[in-house]
Every structure is written in C-alpha cells, then in structure tokens.
Protein backbone atom coordinates (compact mmCIF):
# COMPACT_ATOMS: atom_id res chain seq x y z
CA MET A 1 -14.70 6.95 -5.35
CA SER A 2 -15.30 4.66 -8.29
CA LEU A 3 -12.32 3.14 -10.07
CA LEU A 4 -12.33 3.12 -13.86
CA PHE A 5 -10.29 -0.06 -13.94
CA THR A 6 -9.96 -3.16 -11.81
CA PRO A 7 -6.70 -3.37 -9.86
CA ASP A 8 -5.16 -6.73 -9.13
CA PRO A 9 -7.07 -8.59 -6.40
CA VAL A 10 -6.14 -7.82 -2.80
CA ASP A 11 -6.12 -10.85 -0.50
CA GLU A 12 -5.55 -9.07 2.81
CA MET A 13 -5.82 -5.45 3.80
CA ILE A 14 -2.36 -5.53 5.44
CA CYS A 15 0.44 -3.03 4.77
CA SER A 16 2.86 -4.15 2.04
CA ALA A 17 5.94 -2.78 3.85
CA LYS A 18 8.35 -5.57 4.75
CA GLY A 19 7.61 -6.91 8.21
CA CYS A 20 4.60 -4.66 8.81
CA ARG A 21 1.35 -6.33 9.82
CA ALA A 22 -0.68 -3.14 10.37
CA GLU A 23 -4.04 -2.66 8.73
CA ALA A 24 -3.73 -0.79 5.44
CA THR A 25 -5.37 2.61 5.13
CA HIS A 26 -4.15 3.47 1.61
CA GLY A 27 -3.92 1.69 -1.73
CA LEU A 28 -1.00 2.61 -3.98
CA LEU A 29 -1.93 1.88 -7.57
CA TRP A 30 1.04 1.47 -9.87
CA ASN A 31 2.36 -0.14 -12.98
CA ASN A 32 5.69 -0.62 -14.67
CA PRO A 33 5.19 0.73 -18.20
CA LYS A 34 7.95 -1.56 -19.50
CA LEU A 35 6.03 -4.63 -18.32
CA HIS A 36 2.35 -3.71 -17.99
CA THR A 37 -0.26 -2.29 -20.32
CA THR A 38 -1.32 1.31 -19.71
CA GLU A 39 -4.60 0.21 -18.10
CA ARG A 40 -3.04 -2.35 -15.73
CA ARG A 41 -2.78 -1.40 -12.07
CA LYS A 42 -0.87 -3.37 -9.49
CA VAL A 43 -1.69 -2.68 -5.84
CA TRP A 44 0.49 -2.11 -2.82
CA LEU A 45 -1.18 -1.39 0.48
CA ALA A 46 0.17 1.05 3.05
CA CYS A 47 -0.55 1.90 6.65
CA ASP A 48 -0.22 5.55 7.68
CA ASP A 49 3.36 4.96 8.91
CA HIS A 50 4.59 3.53 5.59
CA LEU A 51 2.61 5.58 3.07
CA GLU A 52 5.36 8.11 2.41
CA HIS A 53 8.14 5.53 2.10
CA LEU A 54 6.24 3.21 -0.26
CA SER A 55 4.91 6.14 -2.33
CA GLN A 56 8.41 7.58 -2.75
CA PHE A 57 9.81 4.19 -3.73
CA LEU A 58 7.26 3.81 -6.54
CA ASP A 59 7.30 7.47 -7.58
CA THR A 60 11.11 7.57 -7.89
CA ARG A 61 10.86 4.78 -10.47
CA GLY A 62 7.96 6.43 -12.31
CA PHE A 63 5.56 3.62 -11.35
CA LEU A 64 3.10 5.35 -8.99
CA ARG A 65 -0.20 6.18 -10.69
CA SER A 66 -2.46 7.10 -7.76
CA VAL A 67 -3.14 6.68 -4.07
CA VAL A 68 -6.67 5.79 -2.97
CA PRO A 69 -8.30 4.95 0.36
CA ALA A 70 -7.85 1.24 1.12
CA ASP A 71 -11.56 0.82 1.74
CA SER A 72 -12.21 1.69 -1.92
CA LEU A 73 -10.27 -1.47 -2.83
CA GLU A 74 -12.21 -3.88 -0.66
CA GLY A 75 -14.47 -4.76 -3.59
CA ALA A 76 -11.35 -5.95 -5.38
CA ALA A 77 -10.44 -8.30 -2.53
CA THR A 78 -10.97 -12.00 -3.15
C-alpha cells in the first residue's frame, strides 16, 4: 500500500498504548481538524491487543482517518 502523504516520523515500532511495549502491527493515522491541516497525519501504533481500544478512542473524537499495517510505515521511521 502506498501512502499519498507522509505521516509524522515513527521512531520505534512499539504500541502507543500506555505501558505496552509490544511490537506494533497497525498504524492509526489521525488528525485533529481543529489543530492540523487536512493533509496532516499523526501516527499512533497499536499491537493486536490494543487496536480496538486506541481506534475507538480516536474515532469517538472524530480524529481517526485510517488504519494501515505497521510495516507500511517503516519507511517513515527515522
């Protein structure tokens, strides 16, 4: 899958859930339309166990734009 935009750099492929150190399998691409331009995508990473919780958190606020495989983000890692 090719991304049409560049998400913020990802330093580690570790789940973003508080206290979780599992390897991320999903990238949650989001933005806050009150703060970010339409094209901007922030990245949260999720392991399989936290995907639903993190997705719901962002979606409830209207921030979630898409979920992609984490390995598609590795090119964005610095």
